[in-house]
Amino acid sequence: MLECDYHSIIMVNPSKQAPTDTSAAAAPIERLTLHEEVTNRLRDMIVESQLKPGERIQEMELAQQLRVSRTPIREAIKVLTSEGLVELLPLRGAIVKSFSAKDARDMLDVIAQLEEYAGRRACDASDEQIQSILDLHERMREHHLRGERPAYFALNQQIHGELIALADNDTLSMTHALLSKRMRSLRYSGNSEPGNWATALAEHDTMMRALAARDRDALAHAMGEHIRNTWPRVRHILNDTPDTDTPPVSDAA
């Protein structure tokens, strides 16, 4: 059984841990196709606001910048359109999706409730699965200490995804992944202020303590609050933010 203090878990001497399963090492390395690499690059450009909401995606310019043909650019646009990050408009072409304040708050409220549900289920995971997430958290903390926000955010999203995966519910995972992709750019921007970033990390610390203790209610509450606290960190980014003092609706404790 895991100890309640998650810091004591992650400091276990690797030499005393169970031998690594060599079958994983023997598995072939997965290689991305060109259009997958281009899709990931364009998605990152949207998340990091190199491509801004409402901006038209210039296929030829991007093809020259990435040194590819227009075909993988077009394939990437199709994928990002299906994810809701890009929209196709008559006479304008592909545009980076611009979300309203209501869009953002609606999605955050749903994500919060999905994560609360997953938090309760995650506590049934194996010691190895929980340890893996705790290790990711410590790697994420190191990126915070070095001020490496893109690397921090990538691990942050991986941690949320793996917590959701522990619920072992394909419909939950699919819905969460879709909404998370749509909110990724806003959530990334929300931690641009050092104070916001430090607070978000502290919230993750609370989540990890609850996970290590297998405290269902505490983890569900911490995960839900972490998502709901995204709103005050991002609302200044959106232009149409009426009724900003009213918190998103939730029936969570």
Protein backbone atom coordinates (compact mmCIF):
# COMPACT_ATOMS: atom_id res chain seq x y z
CA MET A 1 0.00 0.00 0.00
CA LEU A 2 1.26 3.49 -0.79
CA GLU A 3 2.26 5.88 1.96
CA CYS A 4 0.17 9.01 2.46
CA ASP A 5 3.13 11.36 1.95
CA TYR A 6 3.71 11.19 -1.78
CA HIS A 7 7.22 12.71 -1.46
CA SER A 8 8.28 9.61 0.47
CA ILE A 9 7.08 7.44 -2.39
CA ILE A 10 8.90 9.13 -5.22
CA MET A 11 12.23 9.05 -3.40
CA VAL A 12 12.36 5.24 -3.36
CA ASN A 13 15.82 3.94 -4.29
CA PRO A 14 15.51 2.75 -7.91
CA SER A 15 17.88 -0.14 -7.18
CA LYS A 16 15.34 -1.57 -4.74
CA GLN A 17 12.41 -1.40 -7.11
CA ALA A 18 11.13 -4.41 -9.04
CA PRO A 19 13.02 -5.19 -12.26
CA THR A 20 11.72 -3.42 -15.32
CA ASP A 21 9.71 -5.51 -17.76
CA THR A 22 12.01 -5.91 -20.74
CA SER A 23 9.12 -6.61 -23.11
CA ALA A 24 8.44 -2.86 -23.38
CA ALA A 25 12.07 -2.19 -24.33
CA ALA A 26 11.83 -4.75 -27.09
CA ALA A 27 8.71 -3.16 -28.57
CA PRO A 28 9.23 -1.23 -31.82
CA ILE A 29 9.57 2.55 -31.56
CA GLU A 30 6.47 4.30 -32.83
CA ARG A 31 7.21 6.78 -35.59
CA LEU A 32 4.88 9.62 -36.43
CA THR A 33 3.80 10.24 -40.00
CA LEU A 34 4.64 13.59 -41.54
CA HIS A 35 1.07 14.87 -41.26
CA GLU A 36 0.99 13.82 -37.57
CA GLU A 37 4.17 15.77 -36.91
CA VAL A 38 2.76 18.78 -38.75
CA THR A 39 -0.52 18.46 -36.81
CA ASN A 40 1.37 18.45 -33.52
CA ARG A 41 3.40 21.47 -34.60
CA LEU A 42 0.34 23.48 -35.63
CA ARG A 43 -1.47 22.49 -32.43
CA ASP A 44 1.51 23.74 -30.39
CA MET A 45 1.54 26.97 -32.36
CA ILE A 46 -2.12 27.52 -31.46
CA VAL A 47 -1.56 26.61 -27.79
CA GLU A 48 1.41 28.99 -27.51
CA SER A 49 -0.50 31.75 -29.37
CA GLN A 50 1.90 31.82 -32.30
CA LEU A 51 -1.33 31.38 -34.23
CA LYS A 52 -3.89 33.57 -32.50
CA PRO A 53 -7.69 33.18 -32.20
CA GLY A 54 -9.40 34.55 -35.29
CA GLU A 55 -6.21 34.43 -37.35
CA ARG A 56 -6.36 32.91 -40.81
CA ILE A 57 -4.05 29.93 -41.30
CA GLN A 58 -1.84 30.70 -44.30
CA GLU A 59 -1.15 27.31 -45.85
CA MET A 60 1.64 28.39 -48.19
CA GLU A 61 3.42 30.43 -45.52
CA LEU A 62 3.30 27.56 -43.04
CA ALA A 63 4.43 25.07 -45.67
CA GLN A 64 7.49 27.21 -46.36
CA GLN A 65 8.15 27.73 -42.66
CA LEU A 66 7.96 24.01 -41.88
CA ARG A 67 9.61 23.01 -45.17
CA VAL A 68 6.82 20.69 -46.22
CA SER A 69 4.29 20.65 -49.04
CA ARG A 70 0.78 22.01 -48.58
CA THR A 71 -0.68 18.49 -48.41
CA PRO A 72 0.33 17.71 -44.78
CA ILE A 73 -0.71 21.25 -43.81
CA ARG A 74 -4.18 20.59 -45.21
CA GLU A 75 -4.35 17.19 -43.48
CA ALA A 76 -3.37 18.85 -40.18
CA ILE A 77 -6.06 21.48 -40.64
CA LYS A 78 -8.66 18.73 -41.08
CA VAL A 79 -7.59 17.11 -37.79
CA LEU A 80 -7.53 20.41 -35.89
CA THR A 81 -10.95 21.26 -37.30
CA SER A 82 -12.32 17.97 -35.96
CA GLU A 83 -10.80 18.84 -32.56
CA GLY A 84 -12.55 22.21 -32.57
CA LEU A 85 -9.32 24.24 -32.63
CA VAL A 86 -9.81 25.43 -36.21
CA GLU A 87 -12.96 26.35 -38.12
CA LEU A 88 -13.54 26.61 -41.85
CA LEU A 89 -15.36 29.78 -42.89
CA PRO A 90 -16.74 30.65 -46.34
CA LEU A 91 -14.45 33.03 -48.27
CA ARG A 92 -11.95 33.08 -45.39
CA GLY A 93 -10.66 29.53 -45.25
CA ALA A 94 -9.19 27.97 -42.10
CA ILE A 95 -9.36 30.21 -39.03
CA VAL A 96 -8.03 29.56 -35.54
CA LYS A 97 -11.13 29.02 -33.41
CA SER A 98 -12.02 31.88 -31.10
CA PHE A 99 -13.98 30.84 -28.01
CA SER A 100 -16.33 33.13 -26.14
CA ALA A 101 -16.30 33.50 -22.37
CA LYS A 102 -19.42 31.33 -22.16
CA ASP A 103 -17.77 28.67 -24.35
CA ALA A 104 -14.78 28.57 -22.03
CA ARG A 105 -16.78 28.45 -18.81
CA ASP A 106 -19.13 25.77 -20.12
CA MET A 107 -16.21 23.58 -21.13
CA LEU A 108 -14.36 24.13 -17.85
CA ASP A 109 -17.44 23.18 -15.87
CA VAL A 110 -17.85 19.93 -17.78
CA ILE A 111 -14.11 19.12 -17.55
CA ALA A 112 -14.23 19.72 -13.79
CA GLN A 113 -17.05 17.24 -13.35
CA LEU A 114 -15.34 14.66 -15.55
CA GLU A 115 -12.15 14.98 -13.52
CA GLU A 116 -14.02 14.67 -10.22
CA TYR A 117 -15.52 11.40 -11.40
CA ALA A 118 -12.14 10.16 -12.61
CA GLY A 119 -10.50 11.16 -9.33
CA ARG A 120 -12.69 8.79 -7.37
CA ARG A 121 -12.03 5.95 -9.79
CA ALA A 122 -8.27 6.64 -9.97
CA CYS A 123 -7.79 5.63 -6.35
CA ASP A 124 -8.48 2.00 -7.35
CA ALA A 125 -5.36 1.95 -9.55
CA SER A 126 -2.33 -0.22 -8.86
CA ASP A 127 0.65 1.04 -6.87
CA GLU A 128 2.69 1.06 -10.09
CA GLN A 129 0.15 3.21 -11.94
CA ILE A 130 -0.07 5.71 -9.11
CA GLN A 131 3.71 5.79 -8.72
CA SER A 132 4.07 6.58 -12.43
CA ILE A 133 1.85 9.66 -12.07
CA LEU A 134 3.69 10.81 -8.95
CA ASP A 135 6.96 10.54 -10.85
CA LEU A 136 5.55 12.63 -13.69
CA HIS A 137 4.52 15.26 -11.16
CA GLU A 138 8.07 15.54 -9.83
CA ARG A 139 9.43 15.90 -13.35
CA MET A 140 6.84 18.63 -13.93
CA ARG A 141 7.98 20.38 -10.74
CA GLU A 142 11.56 20.44 -12.05
CA HIS A 143 10.39 22.21 -15.21
CA HIS A 144 8.63 24.79 -13.02
CA LEU A 145 11.82 25.42 -11.05
CA ARG A 146 13.69 26.00 -14.31
CA GLY A 147 10.93 28.20 -15.74
CA GLU A 148 10.33 25.83 -18.67
CA ARG A 149 6.65 26.50 -19.27
CA PRO A 150 6.10 24.53 -22.53
CA ALA A 151 7.74 21.40 -21.07
CA TYR A 152 5.86 21.88 -17.80
CA PHE A 153 2.56 22.22 -19.62
CA ALA A 154 3.15 19.12 -21.75
CA LEU A 155 3.67 17.02 -18.60
CA ASN A 156 0.72 18.75 -16.95
CA GLN A 157 -1.56 17.63 -19.75
CA GLN A 158 -0.09 14.13 -19.64
CA ILE A 159 -0.79 13.87 -15.91
CA HIS A 160 -4.42 14.92 -16.36
CA GLY A 161 -4.79 12.46 -19.23
CA GLU A 162 -3.35 9.58 -17.24
CA LEU A 163 -5.55 10.33 -14.24
CA ILE A 164 -8.53 10.21 -16.57
CA ALA A 165 -7.25 6.94 -18.07
CA LEU A 166 -7.24 5.35 -14.61
CA ALA A 167 -11.04 5.62 -14.59
CA ASP A 168 -11.04 2.97 -17.36
CA ASN A 169 -13.97 4.56 -19.19
CA ASP A 170 -13.47 5.07 -22.93
CA THR A 171 -16.36 7.51 -23.27
CA LEU A 172 -14.99 9.61 -20.41
CA SER A 173 -11.51 9.59 -21.94
CA MET A 174 -12.79 10.57 -25.40
CA THR A 175 -14.93 13.44 -24.10
CA HIS A 176 -12.21 14.73 -21.78
CA ALA A 177 -9.58 14.61 -24.54
CA LEU A 178 -11.78 16.58 -26.94
CA LEU A 179 -12.60 19.34 -24.43
CA SER A 180 -9.05 19.49 -23.13
CA LYS A 181 -7.70 20.07 -26.63
CA ARG A 182 -10.14 22.93 -27.14
CA MET A 183 -9.15 24.54 -23.84
CA ARG A 184 -5.43 23.88 -24.13
CA SER A 185 -4.44 27.29 -25.45
CA LEU A 186 -6.42 29.18 -22.81
CA ARG A 187 -5.09 27.00 -20.00
CA TYR A 188 -1.53 27.49 -21.23
CA SER A 189 -2.00 31.25 -21.31
CA GLY A 190 -3.53 31.21 -17.83
CA ASN A 191 -0.17 30.27 -16.28
CA SER A 192 1.76 33.07 -17.99
CA GLU A 193 1.74 35.01 -14.73
CA PRO A 194 4.26 33.58 -12.20
CA GLY A 195 1.74 33.81 -9.36
CA ASN A 196 -0.87 31.86 -11.30
CA TRP A 197 1.69 29.26 -12.28
CA ALA A 198 2.83 28.75 -8.67
CA THR A 199 -0.76 28.45 -7.49
CA ALA A 200 -1.56 25.87 -10.17
CA LEU A 201 1.47 23.82 -9.11
CA ALA A 202 0.34 23.98 -5.48
CA GLU A 203 -3.05 22.64 -6.56
CA HIS A 204 -1.28 19.76 -8.28
CA ASP A 205 0.63 19.08 -5.06
CA THR A 206 -2.72 18.73 -3.27
CA MET A 207 -3.93 16.35 -5.95
CA MET A 208 -0.83 14.18 -5.62
CA ARG A 209 -1.11 13.96 -1.83
CA ALA A 210 -4.69 12.79 -2.18
CA LEU A 211 -3.74 10.29 -4.90
CA ALA A 212 -0.89 8.86 -2.81
CA ALA A 213 -3.26 8.48 0.14
CA ARG A 214 -5.96 6.93 -2.09
CA ASP A 215 -8.38 9.46 -0.65
CA ARG A 216 -11.23 9.41 -3.17
CA ASP A 217 -13.15 12.42 -1.92
CA ALA A 218 -10.04 14.55 -1.46
CA LEU A 219 -8.71 13.73 -4.92
CA ALA A 220 -12.08 14.33 -6.61
CA HIS A 221 -12.43 17.68 -4.83
CA ALA A 222 -8.85 18.75 -5.61
CA MET A 223 -9.15 17.84 -9.30
CA GLY A 224 -12.47 19.63 -9.68
CA GLU A 225 -11.28 22.77 -7.89
CA HIS A 226 -8.09 22.83 -9.95
CA ILE A 227 -10.13 23.01 -13.16
CA ARG A 228 -12.66 25.51 -11.80
CA ASN A 229 -9.80 27.73 -10.64
CA THR A 230 -8.72 27.98 -14.26
CA TRP A 231 -11.49 30.49 -14.94
CA PRO A 232 -10.13 33.40 -12.86
CA ARG A 233 -6.71 32.73 -14.41
CA VAL A 234 -7.96 32.99 -18.01
CA ARG A 235 -11.00 35.29 -18.02
CA HIS A 236 -8.87 38.40 -18.66
CA ILE A 237 -7.76 36.83 -21.95
CA LEU A 238 -11.31 36.79 -23.30
CA ASN A 239 -12.94 40.01 -24.46
CA ASP A 240 -16.58 39.12 -23.77
CA THR A 241 -16.55 38.27 -20.08
CA PRO A 242 -19.93 39.33 -18.67
CA ASP A 243 -20.96 38.19 -15.19
CA THR A 244 -17.35 37.30 -14.35
CA ASP A 245 -17.97 37.06 -10.63
CA THR A 246 -20.45 34.20 -10.94
CA PRO A 247 -18.67 30.85 -10.60
CA PRO A 248 -19.40 28.05 -13.07
CA VAL A 249 -22.29 25.85 -12.07
CA SER A 250 -21.35 22.59 -10.35
CA ASP A 251 -23.02 20.19 -7.98
CA ALA A 252 -19.69 19.02 -6.64
CA ALA A 253 -18.88 19.25 -2.96
